[in-house]
């Protein structure tokens, strides 16, 4: 595992830690070990700080390569677990209570600004913008977790699930986040729409409802 330096682009450790937990729970430690060996990444300590984005990407890529039929669900579950971690440890109770008391459109904008302020933790060397409000739309350019990946449909299941968990718990209980464009599919960036109520979407969009 590479050691972060001042010049190393990093992501929050949950991109790996929560993925490991999901793998252990759903496919077992032996197969999880195979995924990490394929990625060339060691298990980070539970108190790991920011991790090299290349390590995070390698784990996600290895998962997609070795478990193609299950990768979407596993990365989705890892994203939900990451959202839960953030809600427990990064959102003070008073802030969560205040968001839940605000009119929902206002709460959505406030939460979007908070996400944007902390984009470095999940976008790394990439960029993040809030590009629309109806529906609320996020754009990630140069998404490091899918760098070099190629797919015929959106594959940023981890990011979509993180956003979805935050919005379902703090703004709209039935919110759904849909990735409408993905760099892995040839788009210039990865775009995510936040819909207040779960909506029907073409099956080939590669998205899931929140658990």
N, C-alpha and C. Protein backbone atom coordinates (compact mmCIF):
# COMPACT_ATOMS: atom_id res chain seq x y z
N UNK A 1 0.85 -1.20 0.00
CA UNK A 1 0.00 0.00 0.00
C UNK A 1 0.88 1.24 0.00
N UNK A 2 0.57 2.16 -0.88
CA UNK A 2 1.35 3.40 -0.94
C UNK A 2 1.12 4.24 0.29
N UNK A 3 2.15 4.95 0.71
CA UNK A 3 2.03 5.84 1.85
C UNK A 3 1.68 7.24 1.37
N UNK A 4 0.59 7.85 1.94
CA UNK A 4 0.22 9.19 1.51
C UNK A 4 1.33 10.18 1.79
N UNK A 5 1.50 11.12 0.89
CA UNK A 5 2.43 12.22 1.10
C UNK A 5 1.70 13.50 0.75
N UNK A 6 2.39 14.60 0.90
CA UNK A 6 1.76 15.87 0.59
C UNK A 6 1.35 15.95 -0.87
N UNK A 7 2.00 15.17 -1.74
CA UNK A 7 1.69 15.22 -3.16
C UNK A 7 0.76 14.10 -3.60
N UNK A 8 0.38 13.20 -2.68
CA UNK A 8 -0.47 12.08 -3.02
C UNK A 8 -1.93 12.48 -2.89
N UNK A 9 -2.70 12.31 -3.94
CA UNK A 9 -4.14 12.56 -3.87
C UNK A 9 -4.79 11.45 -3.07
N UNK A 10 -5.64 11.82 -2.13
CA UNK A 10 -6.21 10.84 -1.20
C UNK A 10 -7.73 10.92 -1.16
N UNK A 11 -8.31 9.85 -0.64
CA UNK A 11 -9.74 9.76 -0.38
C UNK A 11 -9.95 9.32 1.06
N UNK A 12 -11.16 9.52 1.55
CA UNK A 12 -11.49 9.05 2.88
C UNK A 12 -11.36 7.54 2.97
N UNK A 13 -10.95 7.01 4.13
CA UNK A 13 -10.66 5.59 4.26
C UNK A 13 -11.85 4.67 4.07
N UNK A 14 -13.06 5.21 4.21
CA UNK A 14 -14.24 4.35 4.10
C UNK A 14 -14.43 3.78 2.70
N UNK A 15 -13.82 4.38 1.70
CA UNK A 15 -13.90 3.81 0.36
C UNK A 15 -13.32 2.40 0.34
N UNK A 16 -12.37 2.13 1.25
CA UNK A 16 -11.82 0.78 1.39
C UNK A 16 -12.40 0.07 2.62
N UNK A 17 -12.41 0.74 3.77
CA UNK A 17 -12.81 0.07 5.01
C UNK A 17 -14.22 -0.49 4.93
N UNK A 18 -15.17 0.30 4.44
CA UNK A 18 -16.54 -0.19 4.36
C UNK A 18 -16.68 -1.26 3.29
N UNK A 19 -15.89 -1.15 2.24
CA UNK A 19 -15.92 -2.18 1.20
C UNK A 19 -15.42 -3.51 1.76
N UNK A 20 -14.39 -3.46 2.58
CA UNK A 20 -13.89 -4.68 3.21
C UNK A 20 -14.97 -5.31 4.09
N UNK A 21 -15.64 -4.50 4.90
CA UNK A 21 -16.70 -5.03 5.77
C UNK A 21 -17.81 -5.67 4.96
N UNK A 22 -18.20 -5.02 3.87
CA UNK A 22 -19.26 -5.56 3.03
C UNK A 22 -18.82 -6.88 2.39
N UNK A 23 -17.58 -6.94 1.94
CA UNK A 23 -17.07 -8.18 1.36
C UNK A 23 -17.03 -9.29 2.40
N UNK A 24 -16.54 -8.99 3.59
CA UNK A 24 -16.49 -10.00 4.65
C UNK A 24 -17.88 -10.56 4.94
N UNK A 25 -18.86 -9.68 4.98
CA UNK A 25 -20.22 -10.09 5.32
C UNK A 25 -20.89 -10.88 4.20
N UNK A 26 -20.62 -10.51 2.97
CA UNK A 26 -21.38 -11.07 1.85
C UNK A 26 -20.67 -12.17 1.06
N UNK A 27 -19.35 -12.13 1.00
CA UNK A 27 -18.65 -13.16 0.22
C UNK A 27 -17.58 -13.88 1.02
N UNK A 28 -17.30 -13.40 2.23
CA UNK A 28 -16.34 -14.07 3.09
C UNK A 28 -14.93 -13.51 2.99
N UNK A 29 -14.17 -13.77 4.05
CA UNK A 29 -12.82 -13.20 4.13
C UNK A 29 -11.87 -13.76 3.07
N UNK A 30 -12.05 -15.02 2.72
CA UNK A 30 -11.14 -15.60 1.73
C UNK A 30 -11.24 -14.87 0.40
N UNK A 31 -12.46 -14.63 -0.06
CA UNK A 31 -12.63 -13.94 -1.33
C UNK A 31 -12.24 -12.47 -1.20
N UNK A 32 -12.51 -11.89 -0.03
CA UNK A 32 -12.06 -10.51 0.21
C UNK A 32 -10.54 -10.42 0.08
N UNK A 33 -9.84 -11.42 0.62
CA UNK A 33 -8.38 -11.43 0.53
C UNK A 33 -7.93 -11.49 -0.93
N UNK A 34 -8.64 -12.25 -1.73
CA UNK A 34 -8.32 -12.34 -3.16
C UNK A 34 -8.49 -10.98 -3.83
N UNK A 35 -9.56 -10.28 -3.47
CA UNK A 35 -9.80 -8.95 -4.04
C UNK A 35 -8.66 -8.00 -3.69
N UNK A 36 -8.25 -8.02 -2.42
CA UNK A 36 -7.17 -7.12 -2.00
C UNK A 36 -5.83 -7.50 -2.64
N UNK A 37 -5.59 -8.80 -2.80
CA UNK A 37 -4.36 -9.22 -3.48
C UNK A 37 -4.36 -8.75 -4.93
N UNK A 38 -5.50 -8.88 -5.58
CA UNK A 38 -5.62 -8.40 -6.96
C UNK A 38 -5.34 -6.90 -7.02
N UNK A 39 -5.82 -6.17 -6.00
CA UNK A 39 -5.63 -4.72 -5.96
C UNK A 39 -4.22 -4.33 -5.53
N UNK A 40 -3.52 -5.24 -4.87
CA UNK A 40 -2.20 -4.90 -4.34
C UNK A 40 -2.29 -3.97 -3.14
N UNK A 41 -3.33 -4.15 -2.34
CA UNK A 41 -3.61 -3.26 -1.21
C UNK A 41 -3.75 -4.09 0.06
N UNK A 42 -3.14 -3.62 1.14
CA UNK A 42 -3.28 -4.27 2.43
C UNK A 42 -4.51 -3.72 3.16
N UNK A 43 -4.96 -4.46 4.16
CA UNK A 43 -6.10 -4.00 4.97
C UNK A 43 -5.66 -2.80 5.80
N UNK A 44 -6.29 -1.65 5.64
CA UNK A 44 -5.91 -0.48 6.45
C UNK A 44 -6.34 -0.68 7.90
N UNK A 45 -5.66 -0.03 8.84
CA UNK A 45 -6.11 -0.09 10.23
C UNK A 45 -7.45 0.61 10.38
N UNK A 46 -8.24 0.23 11.40
CA UNK A 46 -9.56 0.85 11.58
C UNK A 46 -9.50 2.36 11.75
N UNK A 47 -8.40 2.86 12.29
CA UNK A 47 -8.26 4.30 12.51
C UNK A 47 -7.47 4.98 11.39
N UNK A 48 -7.45 4.36 10.22
CA UNK A 48 -6.68 4.92 9.11
C UNK A 48 -7.17 6.32 8.77
N UNK A 49 -6.23 7.17 8.42
CA UNK A 49 -6.58 8.49 7.93
C UNK A 49 -6.87 8.41 6.44
N UNK A 50 -6.66 9.52 5.76
CA UNK A 50 -6.88 9.55 4.32
C UNK A 50 -5.96 8.54 3.64
N UNK A 51 -6.49 7.87 2.62
CA UNK A 51 -5.74 6.84 1.90
C UNK A 51 -5.50 7.27 0.46
N UNK A 52 -4.39 6.80 -0.13
CA UNK A 52 -4.13 7.15 -1.53
C UNK A 52 -5.32 6.77 -2.41
N UNK A 53 -5.75 7.69 -3.25
CA UNK A 53 -6.90 7.40 -4.09
C UNK A 53 -6.61 6.25 -5.05
N UNK A 54 -5.34 6.05 -5.39
CA UNK A 54 -5.00 4.93 -6.26
C UNK A 54 -5.27 3.59 -5.59
N UNK A 55 -5.06 3.50 -4.27
CA UNK A 55 -5.38 2.28 -3.53
C UNK A 55 -6.89 2.05 -3.51
N UNK A 56 -7.64 3.11 -3.24
CA UNK A 56 -9.10 2.99 -3.20
C UNK A 56 -9.63 2.54 -4.55
N UNK A 57 -9.12 3.15 -5.61
CA UNK A 57 -9.56 2.79 -6.96
C UNK A 57 -9.19 1.35 -7.29
N UNK A 58 -8.01 0.92 -6.85
CA UNK A 58 -7.56 -0.44 -7.14
C UNK A 58 -8.48 -1.47 -6.50
N UNK A 59 -8.93 -1.20 -5.27
CA UNK A 59 -9.84 -2.13 -4.60
C UNK A 59 -11.17 -2.19 -5.33
N UNK A 60 -11.72 -1.04 -5.69
CA UNK A 60 -13.01 -1.03 -6.39
C UNK A 60 -12.88 -1.70 -7.76
N UNK A 61 -11.77 -1.45 -8.44
CA UNK A 61 -11.57 -2.05 -9.76
C UNK A 61 -11.42 -3.57 -9.65
N UNK A 62 -10.68 -4.03 -8.63
CA UNK A 62 -10.52 -5.47 -8.44
C UNK A 62 -11.86 -6.13 -8.13
N UNK A 63 -12.69 -5.46 -7.35
CA UNK A 63 -14.01 -6.00 -7.03
C UNK A 63 -14.83 -6.13 -8.31
N UNK A 64 -14.83 -5.07 -9.13
CA UNK A 64 -15.60 -5.13 -10.37
C UNK A 64 -15.08 -6.22 -11.31
N UNK A 65 -13.76 -6.43 -11.31
CA UNK A 65 -13.15 -7.42 -12.20
C UNK A 65 -13.43 -8.84 -11.74
N UNK A 66 -13.27 -9.10 -10.45
CA UNK A 66 -13.39 -10.45 -9.93
C UNK A 66 -14.83 -10.86 -9.64
N UNK A 67 -15.68 -9.90 -9.35
CA UNK A 67 -17.08 -10.20 -9.00
C UNK A 67 -18.02 -9.35 -9.85
N UNK A 68 -17.96 -9.48 -11.16
CA UNK A 68 -18.74 -8.59 -12.02
C UNK A 68 -20.24 -8.66 -11.80
N UNK A 69 -20.76 -9.84 -11.47
CA UNK A 69 -22.20 -9.97 -11.29
C UNK A 69 -22.68 -9.37 -9.97
N UNK A 70 -21.78 -9.21 -9.01
CA UNK A 70 -22.17 -8.72 -7.69
C UNK A 70 -21.59 -7.36 -7.37
N UNK A 71 -20.77 -6.84 -8.23
CA UNK A 71 -20.05 -5.60 -7.92
C UNK A 71 -21.00 -4.45 -7.64
N UNK A 72 -22.06 -4.30 -8.45
CA UNK A 72 -22.98 -3.18 -8.24
C UNK A 72 -23.57 -3.22 -6.84
N UNK A 73 -24.09 -4.37 -6.44
CA UNK A 73 -24.71 -4.48 -5.12
C UNK A 73 -23.73 -4.30 -3.99
N UNK A 74 -22.53 -4.85 -4.13
CA UNK A 74 -21.53 -4.74 -3.07
C UNK A 74 -21.04 -3.30 -2.92
N UNK A 75 -20.79 -2.62 -4.03
CA UNK A 75 -20.34 -1.23 -3.94
C UNK A 75 -21.47 -0.32 -3.46
N UNK A 76 -22.68 -0.64 -3.84
CA UNK A 76 -23.84 0.10 -3.33
C UNK A 76 -23.93 -0.03 -1.82
N UNK A 77 -23.79 -1.26 -1.31
CA UNK A 77 -23.86 -1.47 0.13
C UNK A 77 -22.70 -0.79 0.85
N UNK A 78 -21.52 -0.78 0.23
CA UNK A 78 -20.39 -0.07 0.82
C UNK A 78 -20.66 1.42 0.89
N UNK A 79 -21.28 1.97 -0.15
CA UNK A 79 -21.64 3.38 -0.13
C UNK A 79 -22.66 3.71 0.94
N UNK A 80 -23.67 2.85 1.10
CA UNK A 80 -24.65 3.07 2.16
C UNK A 80 -23.97 3.04 3.53
N UNK A 81 -23.08 2.08 3.73
CA UNK A 81 -22.37 1.97 5.01
C UNK A 81 -21.49 3.19 5.24
N UNK A 82 -20.89 3.71 4.18
CA UNK A 82 -20.09 4.93 4.31
C UNK A 82 -20.97 6.10 4.71
N UNK A 83 -22.14 6.21 4.09
CA UNK A 83 -23.08 7.26 4.48
C UNK A 83 -23.48 7.14 5.94
N UNK A 84 -23.72 5.92 6.40
CA UNK A 84 -24.07 5.72 7.80
C UNK A 84 -22.93 6.16 8.72
N UNK A 85 -21.70 5.84 8.33
CA UNK A 85 -20.54 6.27 9.12
C UNK A 85 -20.49 7.79 9.20
N UNK A 86 -20.68 8.45 8.08
CA UNK A 86 -20.64 9.91 8.07
C UNK A 86 -21.73 10.49 8.96
N UNK A 87 -22.91 9.91 8.91
CA UNK A 87 -24.01 10.41 9.74
C UNK A 87 -23.70 10.25 11.23
N UNK A 88 -23.01 9.17 11.58
CA UNK A 88 -22.68 8.93 12.99
C UNK A 88 -21.54 9.81 13.47
N UNK A 89 -20.55 10.02 12.62
CA UNK A 89 -19.29 10.62 13.08
C UNK A 89 -18.97 12.00 12.51
N UNK A 90 -19.62 12.41 11.45
CA UNK A 90 -19.26 13.68 10.82
C UNK A 90 -20.38 14.73 10.84
N UNK A 91 -21.57 14.32 11.24
CA UNK A 91 -22.68 15.26 11.33
C UNK A 91 -23.09 15.38 12.80
N UNK A 92 -22.80 16.51 13.44
CA UNK A 92 -23.23 16.68 14.83
C UNK A 92 -24.74 16.52 14.96
N UNK A 93 -25.16 16.05 16.13
CA UNK A 93 -26.58 15.83 16.35
C UNK A 93 -27.41 17.08 16.12
N UNK A 94 -26.89 18.23 16.56
CA UNK A 94 -27.64 19.48 16.39
C UNK A 94 -27.81 19.81 14.91
N UNK A 95 -26.77 19.55 14.12
CA UNK A 95 -26.85 19.83 12.69
C UNK A 95 -27.87 18.93 12.01
N UNK A 96 -27.90 17.66 12.40
CA UNK A 96 -28.88 16.75 11.82
C UNK A 96 -30.29 17.16 12.20
N UNK A 97 -30.47 17.54 13.46
CA UNK A 97 -31.80 17.96 13.90
C UNK A 97 -32.25 19.21 13.16
N UNK A 98 -31.33 20.15 12.97
CA UNK A 98 -31.67 21.39 12.28
C UNK A 98 -32.06 21.12 10.83
N UNK A 99 -31.32 20.26 10.15
CA UNK A 99 -31.64 19.93 8.77
C UNK A 99 -33.03 19.33 8.65
N UNK A 100 -33.37 18.47 9.60
CA UNK A 100 -34.67 17.79 9.53
C UNK A 100 -35.84 18.72 9.82
N UNK A 101 -35.55 19.87 10.44
CA UNK A 101 -36.60 20.84 10.74
C UNK A 101 -36.81 21.84 9.61
N UNK A 102 -35.83 21.98 8.74
CA UNK A 102 -35.93 22.95 7.65
C UNK A 102 -36.92 22.47 6.58
N UNK A 103 -37.52 23.41 5.84
CA UNK A 103 -38.27 23.01 4.65
C UNK A 103 -37.36 22.16 3.76
N UNK A 104 -37.89 21.11 3.20
CA UNK A 104 -37.03 20.14 2.53
C UNK A 104 -36.22 20.71 1.37
N UNK A 105 -36.78 21.56 0.53
CA UNK A 105 -35.92 22.13 -0.54
C UNK A 105 -34.73 22.91 0.02
N UNK A 106 -34.97 23.65 1.13
CA UNK A 106 -33.88 24.39 1.75
C UNK A 106 -32.88 23.43 2.38
N UNK A 107 -33.37 22.40 3.06
CA UNK A 107 -32.48 21.42 3.67
C UNK A 107 -31.61 20.75 2.61
N UNK A 108 -32.19 20.48 1.45
CA UNK A 108 -31.43 19.85 0.37
C UNK A 108 -30.29 20.75 -0.09
N UNK A 109 -30.56 22.04 -0.20
CA UNK A 109 -29.51 22.97 -0.64
C UNK A 109 -28.41 23.09 0.41
N UNK A 110 -28.81 23.12 1.68
CA UNK A 110 -27.82 23.21 2.76
C UNK A 110 -26.95 21.96 2.77
N UNK A 111 -27.58 20.80 2.64
CA UNK A 111 -26.81 19.55 2.63
C UNK A 111 -25.89 19.50 1.41
N UNK A 112 -26.37 19.95 0.27
CA UNK A 112 -25.54 19.96 -0.94
C UNK A 112 -24.30 20.83 -0.74
N UNK A 113 -24.48 21.97 -0.08
CA UNK A 113 -23.32 22.84 0.18
C UNK A 113 -22.33 22.16 1.12
N UNK A 114 -22.85 21.44 2.13
CA UNK A 114 -21.96 20.73 3.05
C UNK A 114 -21.19 19.64 2.31
N UNK A 115 -21.87 18.94 1.42
CA UNK A 115 -21.19 17.91 0.63
C UNK A 115 -20.10 18.53 -0.23
N UNK A 116 -20.42 19.66 -0.85
CA UNK A 116 -19.44 20.34 -1.71
C UNK A 116 -18.20 20.78 -0.93
N UNK A 117 -18.42 21.26 0.31
CA UNK A 117 -17.29 21.71 1.13
C UNK A 117 -16.35 20.56 1.47
N UNK A 118 -16.88 19.37 1.51
CA UNK A 118 -16.07 18.21 1.89
C UNK A 118 -15.79 17.28 0.71
N UNK A 119 -15.93 17.81 -0.48
CA UNK A 119 -15.78 16.98 -1.68
C UNK A 119 -14.40 16.35 -1.78
N UNK A 120 -13.38 17.00 -1.21
CA UNK A 120 -12.03 16.45 -1.29
C UNK A 120 -11.94 15.06 -0.68
N UNK A 121 -12.86 14.72 0.24
CA UNK A 121 -12.80 13.41 0.89
C UNK A 121 -13.32 12.29 0.01
N UNK A 122 -14.14 12.61 -0.99
CA UNK A 122 -14.68 11.55 -1.85
C UNK A 122 -14.37 11.77 -3.34
N UNK A 123 -13.84 12.94 -3.68
CA UNK A 123 -13.48 13.21 -5.08
C UNK A 123 -11.98 13.22 -5.29
N UNK A 124 -11.20 13.36 -4.22
CA UNK A 124 -9.76 13.32 -4.34
C UNK A 124 -9.23 14.34 -5.33
N UNK A 125 -8.50 13.86 -6.31
CA UNK A 125 -7.94 14.75 -7.32
C UNK A 125 -8.98 15.22 -8.32
N UNK A 126 -10.17 14.66 -8.25
CA UNK A 126 -11.24 15.07 -9.15
C UNK A 126 -11.91 16.35 -8.69
N UNK A 127 -12.87 16.80 -9.47
CA UNK A 127 -13.61 18.01 -9.13
C UNK A 127 -15.06 17.69 -8.82
N UNK A 128 -15.70 18.59 -8.07
CA UNK A 128 -17.10 18.39 -7.69
C UNK A 128 -17.84 19.71 -7.81
N UNK A 129 -19.02 19.66 -8.40
CA UNK A 129 -19.86 20.84 -8.52
C UNK A 129 -21.32 20.47 -8.31
N UNK A 130 -22.07 21.40 -7.74
CA UNK A 130 -23.52 21.31 -7.75
C UNK A 130 -23.96 22.08 -8.99
N UNK A 131 -24.54 21.38 -9.96
CA UNK A 131 -24.79 22.00 -11.27
C UNK A 131 -26.26 22.25 -11.56
N UNK A 132 -27.15 21.80 -10.69
CA UNK A 132 -28.57 22.02 -10.93
C UNK A 132 -29.36 21.87 -9.65
N UNK A 133 -30.58 22.41 -9.66
CA UNK A 133 -31.42 22.35 -8.46
C UNK A 133 -32.74 21.64 -8.69
N UNK A 134 -33.20 21.49 -9.90
CA UNK A 134 -34.47 20.82 -10.17
C UNK A 134 -34.31 19.87 -11.36
N UNK A 135 -33.88 18.65 -11.11
CA UNK A 135 -33.52 18.08 -9.82
C UNK A 135 -32.13 18.55 -9.38
N UNK A 136 -31.88 18.39 -8.08
CA UNK A 136 -30.55 18.67 -7.55
C UNK A 136 -29.56 17.76 -8.26
N UNK A 137 -28.52 18.36 -8.83
CA UNK A 137 -27.59 17.60 -9.67
C UNK A 137 -26.15 17.87 -9.25
N UNK A 138 -25.38 16.80 -9.12
CA UNK A 138 -23.96 16.88 -8.80
C UNK A 138 -23.15 16.41 -10.00
N UNK A 139 -21.97 17.01 -10.17
CA UNK A 139 -21.05 16.60 -11.22
C UNK A 139 -19.69 16.31 -10.61
N UNK A 140 -19.16 15.13 -10.89
CA UNK A 140 -17.81 14.77 -10.47
C UNK A 140 -16.97 14.62 -11.73
N UNK A 141 -15.95 15.43 -11.85
CA UNK A 141 -15.04 15.32 -12.99
C UNK A 141 -13.76 14.60 -12.55
N UNK A 142 -13.27 13.75 -13.42
CA UNK A 142 -12.05 13.01 -13.08
C UNK A 142 -12.22 12.12 -11.87
N UNK A 143 -13.36 11.44 -11.77
CA UNK A 143 -13.63 10.58 -10.62
C UNK A 143 -12.52 9.53 -10.46
N UNK A 144 -11.74 9.62 -9.40
CA UNK A 144 -10.58 8.72 -9.28
C UNK A 144 -10.96 7.26 -9.07
N UNK A 145 -12.17 6.99 -8.55
CA UNK A 145 -12.54 5.60 -8.27
C UNK A 145 -12.83 4.81 -9.54
N UNK A 146 -13.03 5.48 -10.66
CA UNK A 146 -13.28 4.74 -11.90
C UNK A 146 -12.26 5.10 -12.97
N UNK A 147 -11.15 5.68 -12.56
CA UNK A 147 -10.13 6.09 -13.53
C UNK A 147 -9.67 4.89 -14.35
N UNK A 148 -9.76 5.01 -15.65
CA UNK A 148 -9.34 3.94 -16.54
C UNK A 148 -10.38 2.87 -16.77
N UNK A 149 -11.49 2.90 -16.04
CA UNK A 149 -12.53 1.88 -16.20
C UNK A 149 -13.34 2.15 -17.47
N UNK A 150 -13.85 1.08 -18.06
CA UNK A 150 -14.71 1.18 -19.23
C UNK A 150 -15.95 0.32 -19.00
N UNK A 151 -17.10 0.88 -19.28
CA UNK A 151 -18.35 0.15 -19.06
C UNK A 151 -19.40 0.68 -20.02
N UNK A 152 -20.45 -0.13 -20.23
CA UNK A 152 -21.51 0.31 -21.14
C UNK A 152 -22.66 0.99 -20.40
N UNK A 153 -22.48 1.19 -19.09
CA UNK A 153 -23.49 1.89 -18.29
C UNK A 153 -22.79 2.50 -17.08
N UNK A 154 -23.46 3.41 -16.37
CA UNK A 154 -22.83 4.04 -15.20
C UNK A 154 -22.42 3.01 -14.15
N UNK A 155 -21.27 3.24 -13.53
CA UNK A 155 -20.76 2.28 -12.54
C UNK A 155 -20.36 2.92 -11.22
N UNK A 156 -20.71 4.20 -11.00
CA UNK A 156 -20.31 4.86 -9.75
C UNK A 156 -21.32 4.57 -8.64
N UNK A 157 -21.51 3.28 -8.38
CA UNK A 157 -22.53 2.86 -7.41
C UNK A 157 -22.18 3.31 -6.00
N UNK A 158 -20.90 3.33 -5.67
CA UNK A 158 -20.49 3.75 -4.33
C UNK A 158 -20.85 5.20 -4.09
N UNK A 159 -20.48 6.08 -5.00
CA UNK A 159 -20.80 7.50 -4.83
C UNK A 159 -22.30 7.72 -4.75
N UNK A 160 -23.05 7.11 -5.66
CA UNK A 160 -24.50 7.30 -5.67
C UNK A 160 -25.11 6.87 -4.35
N UNK A 161 -24.63 5.77 -3.79
CA UNK A 161 -25.19 5.27 -2.53
C UNK A 161 -24.83 6.17 -1.35
N UNK A 162 -23.61 6.71 -1.33
CA UNK A 162 -23.25 7.65 -0.26
C UNK A 162 -24.20 8.84 -0.27
N UNK A 163 -24.36 9.45 -1.44
CA UNK A 163 -25.26 10.61 -1.55
C UNK A 163 -26.68 10.22 -1.14
N UNK A 164 -27.12 9.06 -1.61
CA UNK A 164 -28.49 8.63 -1.35
C UNK A 164 -28.75 8.46 0.14
N UNK A 165 -27.81 7.85 0.83
CA UNK A 165 -28.00 7.64 2.27
C UNK A 165 -28.11 8.96 3.01
N UNK A 166 -27.28 9.92 2.67
CA UNK A 166 -27.33 11.22 3.35
C UNK A 166 -28.67 11.91 3.11
N UNK A 167 -29.15 11.87 1.89
CA UNK A 167 -30.41 12.56 1.60
C UNK A 167 -31.62 11.83 2.16
N UNK A 168 -31.61 10.49 2.18
CA UNK A 168 -32.75 9.79 2.75
C UNK A 168 -32.83 9.98 4.26
N UNK A 169 -31.70 10.14 4.91
CA UNK A 169 -31.70 10.28 6.36
C UNK A 169 -31.88 11.71 6.84
N UNK A 170 -31.57 12.68 5.99
CA UNK A 170 -31.58 14.07 6.45
C UNK A 170 -32.59 14.96 5.72
N UNK A 171 -33.07 14.55 4.57
CA UNK A 171 -33.95 15.44 3.80
C UNK A 171 -35.22 14.74 3.35
N UNK A 172 -35.10 13.81 2.42
CA UNK A 172 -36.26 13.14 1.83
C UNK A 172 -36.16 11.65 2.11
N UNK A 173 -37.04 11.07 2.93
CA UNK A 173 -36.92 9.65 3.28
C UNK A 173 -36.94 8.70 2.09
N UNK A 174 -37.61 9.10 1.01
CA UNK A 174 -37.69 8.22 -0.16
C UNK A 174 -36.81 8.68 -1.31
N UNK A 175 -35.81 9.48 -1.01
CA UNK A 175 -34.95 10.01 -2.07
C UNK A 175 -34.24 8.88 -2.82
N UNK A 176 -33.97 9.17 -4.07
CA UNK A 176 -33.17 8.24 -4.86
C UNK A 176 -32.15 9.05 -5.64
N UNK A 177 -30.94 8.55 -5.67
CA UNK A 177 -29.87 9.19 -6.44
C UNK A 177 -29.59 8.34 -7.67
N UNK A 178 -29.61 8.98 -8.82
CA UNK A 178 -29.42 8.30 -10.09
C UNK A 178 -28.20 8.87 -10.79
N UNK A 179 -27.30 8.00 -11.20
CA UNK A 179 -26.18 8.46 -12.01
C UNK A 179 -26.63 8.48 -13.46
N UNK A 180 -26.72 9.65 -14.03
CA UNK A 180 -27.25 9.80 -15.39
C UNK A 180 -26.17 9.81 -16.45
N UNK A 181 -24.94 10.03 -16.07
CA UNK A 181 -23.82 10.00 -17.01
C UNK A 181 -22.58 9.56 -16.25
N UNK A 182 -21.70 8.85 -16.94
CA UNK A 182 -20.53 8.28 -16.26
C UNK A 182 -19.32 8.35 -17.18
N UNK A 183 -18.21 8.77 -16.63
CA UNK A 183 -16.98 8.85 -17.42
C UNK A 183 -16.55 7.48 -17.93
N UNK A 184 -16.89 6.43 -17.18
CA UNK A 184 -16.53 5.08 -17.63
C UNK A 184 -17.27 4.69 -18.90
N UNK A 185 -18.39 5.35 -19.15
CA UNK A 185 -19.19 5.07 -20.35
C UNK A 185 -18.92 6.07 -21.46
N UNK A 186 -17.91 6.91 -21.27
CA UNK A 186 -17.54 7.85 -22.31
C UNK A 186 -18.02 9.27 -22.10
N UNK A 187 -18.76 9.54 -21.03
CA UNK A 187 -19.21 10.90 -20.74
C UNK A 187 -18.04 11.74 -20.24
N UNK A 188 -18.11 13.05 -20.40
CA UNK A 188 -17.01 13.90 -19.92
C UNK A 188 -16.90 13.95 -18.41
N UNK A 189 -17.96 13.58 -17.70
CA UNK A 189 -17.94 13.60 -16.24
C UNK A 189 -19.02 12.65 -15.73
N UNK A 190 -19.06 12.46 -14.43
CA UNK A 190 -20.08 11.63 -13.80
C UNK A 190 -21.13 12.55 -13.19
N UNK A 191 -22.39 12.36 -13.57
CA UNK A 191 -23.48 13.23 -13.11
C UNK A 191 -24.47 12.43 -12.28
N UNK A 192 -24.90 13.03 -11.18
CA UNK A 192 -25.83 12.38 -10.26
C UNK A 192 -27.02 13.29 -10.02
N UNK A 193 -28.23 12.75 -10.15
CA UNK A 193 -29.44 13.50 -9.85
C UNK A 193 -30.05 12.98 -8.56
N UNK A 194 -30.49 13.91 -7.70
CA UNK A 194 -31.15 13.55 -6.45
C UNK A 194 -32.64 13.80 -6.63
N UNK A 195 -33.43 12.74 -6.58
CA UNK A 195 -34.88 12.85 -6.74
C UNK A 195 -35.55 12.67 -5.38
N UNK A 196 -36.45 13.58 -5.00
CA UNK A 196 -37.08 13.52 -3.67
C UNK A 196 -37.83 12.23 -3.42
N UNK A 197 -38.46 11.68 -4.45
CA UNK A 197 -39.22 10.44 -4.32
C UNK A 197 -38.63 9.44 -5.30
N UNK A 198 -38.51 8.21 -4.85
CA UNK A 198 -37.94 7.19 -5.72
C UNK A 198 -38.69 7.15 -7.04
N UNK A 199 -37.97 7.16 -8.13
CA UNK A 199 -38.58 7.20 -9.45
C UNK A 199 -38.19 5.96 -10.24
N UNK A 200 -39.04 5.64 -11.21
CA UNK A 200 -38.71 4.54 -12.10
C UNK A 200 -37.59 4.99 -13.02
N UNK A 201 -36.72 4.07 -13.35
CA UNK A 201 -35.58 4.42 -14.21
C UNK A 201 -35.25 3.22 -15.07
N UNK A 202 -34.81 3.44 -16.30
CA UNK A 202 -34.48 2.30 -17.15
C UNK A 202 -33.52 1.34 -16.46
N UNK A 203 -33.78 0.07 -16.61
CA UNK A 203 -32.98 -0.94 -15.92
C UNK A 203 -31.51 -0.85 -16.30
N UNK A 204 -31.22 -0.43 -17.53
CA UNK A 204 -29.82 -0.40 -17.97
C UNK A 204 -29.06 0.80 -17.44
N UNK A 205 -29.71 1.63 -16.56
CA UNK A 205 -28.98 2.76 -15.98
C UNK A 205 -28.01 2.31 -14.90
N UNK A 206 -28.15 1.06 -14.45
CA UNK A 206 -27.19 0.54 -13.48
C UNK A 206 -27.33 1.16 -12.12
N UNK A 207 -28.57 1.42 -11.68
CA UNK A 207 -28.80 2.04 -10.39
C UNK A 207 -29.69 1.15 -9.55
N UNK A 208 -29.73 1.44 -8.26
CA UNK A 208 -30.53 0.66 -7.32
C UNK A 208 -31.27 1.59 -6.39
N UNK A 209 -32.33 1.08 -5.80
CA UNK A 209 -33.01 1.82 -4.76
C UNK A 209 -32.23 1.70 -3.46
N UNK A 210 -32.42 2.68 -2.60
CA UNK A 210 -31.79 2.60 -1.28
C UNK A 210 -32.41 1.47 -0.49
N UNK A 211 -31.61 0.80 0.34
CA UNK A 211 -32.13 -0.25 1.19
C UNK A 211 -32.94 0.36 2.32
